[in-house]
Amino acid sequence: MICPKCGSENCYVINEVHESGQDYSAGKGCLGYLLFGWVGLLCGLCGEGRTTKNVNYWVCNNCGKKWKV
């Protein structure tokens, strides 16, 4: 691969991981506690949860330019 900025062939691929979302919802846990008691606290674990997105980029060792694969 050739860098679009400086024309160098000294490039490598990196992988970036982007995470979003929550692991536990306190609101759902409290509501579950009110409805079902102690076991209802587990309701906070229900839902979408965390999502993970992997993105690959080329990076130039000479100028530092980063672009998508």
PDB file of N, CA and C in Angstrom:
ATOM      1  N   MET A   1       0.843  -1.177   0.000  1.00  0.00           N
ATOM      2  CA  MET A   1       0.000   0.000   0.000  1.00  0.00           C
ATOM      3  C   MET A   1       0.889   1.240   0.000  1.00  0.00           C
ATOM      4  N   ILE A   2       0.477   2.239  -0.729  1.00  0.00           N
ATOM      5  CA  ILE A   2       1.221   3.497  -0.820  1.00  0.00           C
ATOM      6  C   ILE A   2       0.426   4.591  -0.108  1.00  0.00           C
ATOM      7  N   CYS A   3       1.108   5.381   0.693  1.00  0.00           N
ATOM      8  CA  CYS A   3       0.471   6.473   1.432  1.00  0.00           C
ATOM      9  C   CYS A   3      -0.027   7.540   0.459  1.00  0.00           C
ATOM     10  N   PRO A   4      -1.302   7.954   0.597  1.00  0.00           N
ATOM     11  CA  PRO A   4      -1.829   8.978  -0.308  1.00  0.00           C
ATOM     12  C   PRO A   4      -1.263  10.378  -0.032  1.00  0.00           C
ATOM     13  N   LYS A   5      -0.671  10.571   1.144  1.00  0.00           N
ATOM     14  CA  LYS A   5      -0.149  11.892   1.494  1.00  0.00           C
ATOM     15  C   LYS A   5       1.303  12.091   1.054  1.00  0.00           C
ATOM     16  N   CYS A   6       2.181  11.127   1.405  1.00  0.00           N
ATOM     17  CA  CYS A   6       3.612  11.310   1.129  1.00  0.00           C
ATOM     18  C   CYS A   6       4.165  10.340   0.080  1.00  0.00           C
ATOM     19  N   GLY A   7       3.399   9.318  -0.310  1.00  0.00           N
ATOM     20  CA  GLY A   7       3.838   8.376  -1.326  1.00  0.00           C
ATOM     21  C   GLY A   7       4.742   7.263  -0.818  1.00  0.00           C
ATOM     22  N   SER A   8       4.906   7.151   0.492  1.00  0.00           N
ATOM     23  CA  SER A   8       5.759   6.123   1.082  1.00  0.00           C
ATOM     24  C   SER A   8       5.084   4.754   1.021  1.00  0.00           C
ATOM     25  N   GLU A   9       5.896   3.710   0.929  1.00  0.00           N
ATOM     26  CA  GLU A   9       5.384   2.340   0.983  1.00  0.00           C
ATOM     27  C   GLU A   9       5.569   1.737   2.369  1.00  0.00           C
ATOM     28  N   ASN A  10       6.015   2.521   3.329  1.00  0.00           N
ATOM     29  CA  ASN A  10       6.259   2.070   4.698  1.00  0.00           C
ATOM     30  C   ASN A  10       4.974   2.229   5.511  1.00  0.00           C
ATOM     31  N   CYS A  11       3.978   1.365   5.250  1.00  0.00           N
ATOM     32  CA  CYS A  11       2.660   1.454   5.888  1.00  0.00           C
ATOM     33  C   CYS A  11       2.309   0.120   6.534  1.00  0.00           C
ATOM     34  N   TYR A  12       1.429   0.165   7.524  1.00  0.00           N
ATOM     35  CA  TYR A  12       0.973  -1.049   8.200  1.00  0.00           C
ATOM     36  C   TYR A  12      -0.499  -0.919   8.561  1.00  0.00           C
ATOM     37  N   VAL A  13      -1.142  -2.034   8.883  1.00  0.00           N
ATOM     38  CA  VAL A  13      -2.563  -2.079   9.208  1.00  0.00           C
ATOM     39  C   VAL A  13      -2.729  -2.159  10.723  1.00  0.00           C
ATOM     40  N   ILE A  14      -3.685  -1.367  11.250  1.00  0.00           N
ATOM     41  CA  ILE A  14      -4.049  -1.470  12.661  1.00  0.00           C
ATOM     42  C   ILE A  14      -5.550  -1.715  12.751  1.00  0.00           C
ATOM     43  N   ASN A  15      -5.985  -2.256  13.877  1.00  0.00           N
ATOM     44  CA  ASN A  15      -7.394  -2.516  14.142  1.00  0.00           C
ATOM     45  C   ASN A  15      -7.796  -1.693  15.361  1.00  0.00           C
ATOM     46  N   GLU A  16      -8.834  -0.848  15.219  1.00  0.00           N
ATOM     47  CA  GLU A  16      -9.353  -0.072  16.342  1.00  0.00           C
ATOM     48  C   GLU A  16     -10.698  -0.653  16.745  1.00  0.00           C
ATOM     49  N   VAL A  17     -10.909  -0.776  18.052  1.00  0.00           N
ATOM     50  CA  VAL A  17     -12.152  -1.310  18.592  1.00  0.00           C
ATOM     51  C   VAL A  17     -12.901  -0.172  19.260  1.00  0.00           C
ATOM     52  N   HIS A  18     -14.171   0.025  18.859  1.00  0.00           N
ATOM     53  CA  HIS A  18     -15.020   1.060  19.431  1.00  0.00           C
ATOM     54  C   HIS A  18     -16.177   0.372  20.145  1.00  0.00           C
ATOM     55  N   GLU A  19     -16.362   0.687  21.430  1.00  0.00           N
ATOM     56  CA  GLU A  19     -17.444   0.096  22.211  1.00  0.00           C
ATOM     57  C   GLU A  19     -18.422   1.181  22.624  1.00  0.00           C
ATOM     58  N   SER A  20     -19.710   0.820  22.664  1.00  0.00           N
ATOM     59  CA  SER A  20     -20.729   1.751  23.120  1.00  0.00           C
ATOM     60  C   SER A  20     -21.815   0.972  23.854  1.00  0.00           C
ATOM     61  N   GLY A  21     -22.582   1.674  24.656  1.00  0.00           N
ATOM     62  CA  GLY A  21     -23.662   1.044  25.399  1.00  0.00           C
ATOM     63  C   GLY A  21     -23.306   0.838  26.853  1.00  0.00           C
ATOM     64  N   GLN A  22     -24.237   0.223  27.570  1.00  0.00           N
ATOM     65  CA  GLN A  22     -24.066  -0.017  28.998  1.00  0.00           C
ATOM     66  C   GLN A  22     -24.145  -1.505  29.286  1.00  0.00           C
ATOM     67  N   ASP A  23     -23.460  -1.918  30.344  1.00  0.00           N
ATOM     68  CA  ASP A  23     -23.542  -3.306  30.775  1.00  0.00           C
ATOM     69  C   ASP A  23     -24.726  -3.527  31.712  1.00  0.00           C
ATOM     70  N   TYR A  24     -25.037  -2.529  32.544  1.00  0.00           N
ATOM     71  CA  TYR A  24     -26.094  -2.662  33.534  1.00  0.00           C
ATOM     72  C   TYR A  24     -26.918  -1.391  33.570  1.00  0.00           C
ATOM     73  N   SER A  25     -28.235  -1.511  33.561  1.00  0.00           N
ATOM     74  CA  SER A  25     -29.136  -0.371  33.642  1.00  0.00           C
ATOM     75  C   SER A  25     -29.682  -0.265  35.064  1.00  0.00           C
ATOM     76  N   ALA A  26     -29.297   0.788  35.764  1.00  0.00           N
ATOM     77  CA  ALA A  26     -29.742   0.972  37.153  1.00  0.00           C
ATOM     78  C   ALA A  26     -31.254   1.171  37.227  1.00  0.00           C
ATOM     79  N   GLY A  27     -31.831   1.876  36.245  1.00  0.00           N
ATOM     80  CA  GLY A  27     -33.273   2.107  36.235  1.00  0.00           C
ATOM     81  C   GLY A  27     -34.055   0.803  36.125  1.00  0.00           C
ATOM     82  N   LYS A  28     -33.620  -0.075  35.223  1.00  0.00           N
ATOM     83  CA  LYS A  28     -34.287  -1.376  35.070  1.00  0.00           C
ATOM     84  C   LYS A  28     -34.090  -2.239  36.308  1.00  0.00           C
ATOM     85  N   GLY A  29     -32.917  -2.138  36.921  1.00  0.00           N
ATOM     86  CA  GLY A  29     -32.647  -2.904  38.136  1.00  0.00           C
ATOM     87  C   GLY A  29     -33.530  -2.466  39.292  1.00  0.00           C
ATOM     88  N   CYS A  30     -33.722  -1.152  39.454  1.00  0.00           N
ATOM     89  CA  CYS A  30     -34.577  -0.634  40.529  1.00  0.00           C
ATOM     90  C   CYS A  30     -36.028  -1.020  40.309  1.00  0.00           C
ATOM     91  N   LEU A  31     -36.496  -0.902  39.079  1.00  0.00           N
ATOM     92  CA  LEU A  31     -37.868  -1.288  38.773  1.00  0.00           C
ATOM     93  C   LEU A  31     -38.070  -2.786  39.009  1.00  0.00           C
ATOM     94  N   GLY A  32     -37.111  -3.588  38.599  1.00  0.00           N
ATOM     95  CA  GLY A  32     -37.199  -5.027  38.851  1.00  0.00           C
ATOM     96  C   GLY A  32     -37.218  -5.351  40.329  1.00  0.00           C
ATOM     97  N   TYR A  33     -36.443  -4.582  41.118  1.00  0.00           N
ATOM     98  CA  TYR A  33     -36.430  -4.786  42.569  1.00  0.00           C
ATOM     99  C   TYR A  33     -37.798  -4.475  43.158  1.00  0.00           C
ATOM    100  N   LEU A  34     -38.426  -3.379  42.699  1.00  0.00           N
ATOM    101  CA  LEU A  34     -39.750  -3.017  43.209  1.00  0.00           C
ATOM    102  C   LEU A  34     -40.804  -4.060  42.859  1.00  0.00           C
ATOM    103  N   LEU A  35     -40.686  -4.658  41.675  1.00  0.00           N
ATOM    104  CA  LEU A  35     -41.686  -5.624  41.235  1.00  0.00           C
ATOM    105  C   LEU A  35     -41.436  -7.038  41.745  1.00  0.00           C
ATOM    106  N   PHE A  36     -40.164  -7.474  41.782  1.00  0.00           N
ATOM    107  CA  PHE A  36     -39.854  -8.877  42.054  1.00  0.00           C
ATOM    108  C   PHE A  36     -38.959  -9.110  43.261  1.00  0.00           C
ATOM    109  N   GLY A  37     -38.549  -8.073  43.951  1.00  0.00           N
ATOM    110  CA  GLY A  37     -37.662  -8.239  45.105  1.00  0.00           C
ATOM    111  C   GLY A  37     -36.213  -8.337  44.671  1.00  0.00           C
ATOM    112  N   TRP A  38     -35.402  -9.021  45.470  1.00  0.00           N
ATOM    113  CA  TRP A  38     -33.963  -9.098  45.214  1.00  0.00           C
ATOM    114  C   TRP A  38     -33.633  -9.710  43.861  1.00  0.00           C
ATOM    115  N   VAL A  39     -34.415 -10.680  43.438  1.00  0.00           N
ATOM    116  CA  VAL A  39     -34.167 -11.321  42.156  1.00  0.00           C
ATOM    117  C   VAL A  39     -34.390 -10.325  41.010  1.00  0.00           C
ATOM    118  N   GLY A  40     -35.248  -9.340  41.224  1.00  0.00           N
ATOM    119  CA  GLY A  40     -35.550  -8.340  40.210  1.00  0.00           C
ATOM    120  C   GLY A  40     -34.365  -7.456  39.851  1.00  0.00           C
ATOM    121  N   LEU A  41     -33.344  -7.415  40.698  1.00  0.00           N
ATOM    122  CA  LEU A  41     -32.150  -6.631  40.371  1.00  0.00           C
ATOM    123  C   LEU A  41     -31.481  -7.137  39.098  1.00  0.00           C
ATOM    124  N   LEU A  42     -31.709  -8.399  38.770  1.00  0.00           N
ATOM    125  CA  LEU A  42     -31.147  -8.969  37.553  1.00  0.00           C
ATOM    126  C   LEU A  42     -31.793  -8.391  36.292  1.00  0.00           C
ATOM    127  N   CYS A  43     -32.945  -7.728  36.448  1.00  0.00           N
ATOM    128  CA  CYS A  43     -33.600  -7.103  35.286  1.00  0.00           C
ATOM    129  C   CYS A  43     -32.728  -6.008  34.686  1.00  0.00           C
ATOM    130  N   GLY A  44     -31.816  -5.456  35.453  1.00  0.00           N
ATOM    131  CA  GLY A  44     -30.908  -4.431  34.945  1.00  0.00           C
ATOM    132  C   GLY A  44     -29.941  -4.968  33.908  1.00  0.00           C
ATOM    133  N   LEU A  45     -29.775  -6.276  33.855  1.00  0.00           N
ATOM    134  CA  LEU A  45     -28.891  -6.890  32.867  1.00  0.00           C
ATOM    135  C   LEU A  45     -29.580  -7.119  31.526  1.00  0.00           C
ATOM    136  N   CYS A  46     -30.916  -7.011  31.501  1.00  0.00           N
ATOM    137  CA  CYS A  46     -31.680  -7.222  30.267  1.00  0.00           C
ATOM    138  C   CYS A  46     -31.551  -6.003  29.362  1.00  0.00           C
ATOM    139  N   GLY A  47     -31.570  -6.219  28.080  1.00  0.00           N
ATOM    140  CA  GLY A  47     -31.523  -5.104  27.135  1.00  0.00           C
ATOM    141  C   GLY A  47     -30.452  -5.283  26.092  1.00  0.00           C
ATOM    142  N   GLU A  48     -30.105  -4.194  25.439  1.00  0.00           N
ATOM    143  CA  GLU A  48     -29.168  -4.232  24.331  1.00  0.00           C
ATOM    144  C   GLU A  48     -27.743  -4.521  24.765  1.00  0.00           C
ATOM    145  N   GLY A  49     -27.303  -3.945  25.845  1.00  0.00           N
ATOM    146  CA  GLY A  49     -25.947  -4.182  26.317  1.00  0.00           C
ATOM    147  C   GLY A  49     -24.908  -3.459  25.484  1.00  0.00           C
ATOM    148  N   ARG A  50     -23.693  -3.927  25.539  1.00  0.00           N
ATOM    149  CA  ARG A  50     -22.577  -3.308  24.822  1.00  0.00           C
ATOM    150  C   ARG A  50     -22.509  -3.785  23.392  1.00  0.00           C
ATOM    151  N   THR A  51     -22.168  -2.859  22.515  1.00  0.00           N
ATOM    152  CA  THR A  51     -21.923  -3.209  21.125  1.00  0.00           C
ATOM    153  C   THR A  51     -20.469  -2.894  20.803  1.00  0.00           C
ATOM    154  N   THR A  52     -19.865  -3.744  20.020  1.00  0.00           N
ATOM    155  CA  THR A  52     -18.460  -3.586  19.660  1.00  0.00           C
ATOM    156  C   THR A  52     -18.343  -3.464  18.141  1.00  0.00           C
ATOM    157  N   LYS A  53     -17.537  -2.489  17.692  1.00  0.00           N
ATOM    158  CA  LYS A  53     -17.318  -2.279  16.266  1.00  0.00           C
ATOM    159  C   LYS A  53     -15.821  -2.259  16.018  1.00  0.00           C
ATOM    160  N   ASN A  54     -15.359  -3.098  15.090  1.00  0.00           N
ATOM    161  CA  ASN A  54     -13.946  -3.147  14.707  1.00  0.00           C
ATOM    162  C   ASN A  54     -13.750  -2.412  13.387  1.00  0.00           C
ATOM    163  N   VAL A  55     -12.739  -1.528  13.340  1.00  0.00           N
ATOM    164  CA  VAL A  55     -12.426  -0.774  12.132  1.00  0.00           C
ATOM    165  C   VAL A  55     -10.940  -0.931  11.838  1.00  0.00           C
ATOM    166  N   ASN A  56     -10.610  -1.310  10.595  1.00  0.00           N
ATOM    167  CA  ASN A  56      -9.216  -1.464  10.181  1.00  0.00           C
ATOM    168  C   ASN A  56      -8.739  -0.206   9.455  1.00  0.00           C
ATOM    169  N   TYR A  57      -7.518   0.222   9.773  1.00  0.00           N
ATOM    170  CA  TYR A  57      -6.921   1.401   9.162  1.00  0.00           C
ATOM    171  C   TYR A  57      -5.518   1.077   8.676  1.00  0.00           C
ATOM    172  N   TRP A  58      -5.089   1.754   7.618  1.00  0.00           N
ATOM    173  CA  TRP A  58      -3.697   1.782   7.211  1.00  0.00           C
ATOM    174  C   TRP A  58      -3.079   2.993   7.894  1.00  0.00           C
ATOM    175  N   VAL A  59      -1.823   2.862   8.356  1.00  0.00           N
ATOM    176  CA  VAL A  59      -1.101   3.969   8.974  1.00  0.00           C
ATOM    177  C   VAL A  59       0.280   4.049   8.333  1.00  0.00           C
ATOM    178  N   CYS A  60       0.685   5.268   7.960  1.00  0.00           N
ATOM    179  CA  CYS A  60       1.993   5.495   7.359  1.00  0.00           C
ATOM    180  C   CYS A  60       3.027   5.715   8.471  1.00  0.00           C
ATOM    181  N   ASN A  61       4.131   4.986   8.411  1.00  0.00           N
ATOM    182  CA  ASN A  61       5.199   5.155   9.398  1.00  0.00           C
ATOM    183  C   ASN A  61       5.961   6.460   9.209  1.00  0.00           C
ATOM    184  N   ASN A  62       5.975   7.018   8.012  1.00  0.00           N
ATOM    185  CA  ASN A  62       6.745   8.238   7.742  1.00  0.00           C
ATOM    186  C   ASN A  62       6.006   9.497   8.171  1.00  0.00           C
ATOM    187  N   CYS A  63       4.761   9.687   7.704  1.00  0.00           N
ATOM    188  CA  CYS A  63       4.062  10.933   7.985  1.00  0.00           C
ATOM    189  C   CYS A  63       2.945  10.804   9.019  1.00  0.00           C
ATOM    190  N   GLY A  64       2.523   9.563   9.355  1.00  0.00           N
ATOM    191  CA  GLY A  64       1.485   9.370  10.374  1.00  0.00           C
ATOM    192  C   GLY A  64       0.070   9.429   9.858  1.00  0.00           C
ATOM    193  N   LYS A  65      -0.118   9.554   8.545  1.00  0.00           N
ATOM    194  CA  LYS A  65      -1.458   9.595   7.963  1.00  0.00           C
ATOM    195  C   LYS A  65      -2.174   8.276   8.220  1.00  0.00           C
ATOM    196  N   LYS A  66      -3.480   8.353   8.577  1.00  0.00           N
ATOM    197  CA  LYS A  66      -4.287   7.171   8.856  1.00  0.00           C
ATOM    198  C   LYS A  66      -5.503   7.204   7.943  1.00  0.00           C
ATOM    199  N   TRP A  67      -5.791   6.070   7.247  1.00  0.00           N
ATOM    200  CA  TRP A  67      -6.945   5.987   6.368  1.00  0.00           C
ATOM    201  C   TRP A  67      -7.532   4.597   6.451  1.00  0.00           C
ATOM    202  N   LYS A  68      -8.845   4.509   6.143  1.00  0.00           N
ATOM    203  CA  LYS A  68      -9.556   3.227   6.225  1.00  0.00           C
ATOM    204  C   LYS A  68      -9.081   2.261   5.162  1.00  0.00           C
ATOM    205  N   VAL A  69      -9.122   0.973   5.510  1.00  0.00           N
ATOM    206  CA  VAL A  69      -8.742  -0.096   4.592  1.00  0.00           C
ATOM    207  C   VAL A  69      -9.779  -0.216   3.498  1.00  0.00           C
TER     208      VAL A  69
END
